[in-house]
Amino acid sequence: MKIKKCPCCGQVVTDYIWLANGLFTLGAMQRRLVDVLRKAPDGIPVGRVKELLYSNDPNGGPETNNIIAVMAAQINRKMAKHGLRIRSRGGRFAIYSLEERCD
């Protein structure tokens, strides 16, 4: 993942993320989620995603895994026009992955 410079002015920015299909503005936790998913091309269990996202939180993060689904939905709205999405399979113990959309 590249988080380097604005394509217009060249200024270093941290709220943009480059993926093969486009440039996206994401919040810090959203960027971390995308980074986690990019490092797991075959998918990663939701519990492990939550552990990785909240590893620096002394309280361990939220009680439920629902926050991952909420973040994924927000990110998907931003990436939809570029043919990318975060997909979950498996319900309560879902496996999350980052993939190209084929609708």
Foldseek 3Di string as FASTA:
>chain_A
DDQAADPPPRHRDRQWDDDPQDIFGHDPLLVLLVVVQVVPAVFDWLVVSQCSSCVVPPVSDDPASVVVVVSQVVVCVGCVVSQKGWDWDDPRRTTIHIDGHDD
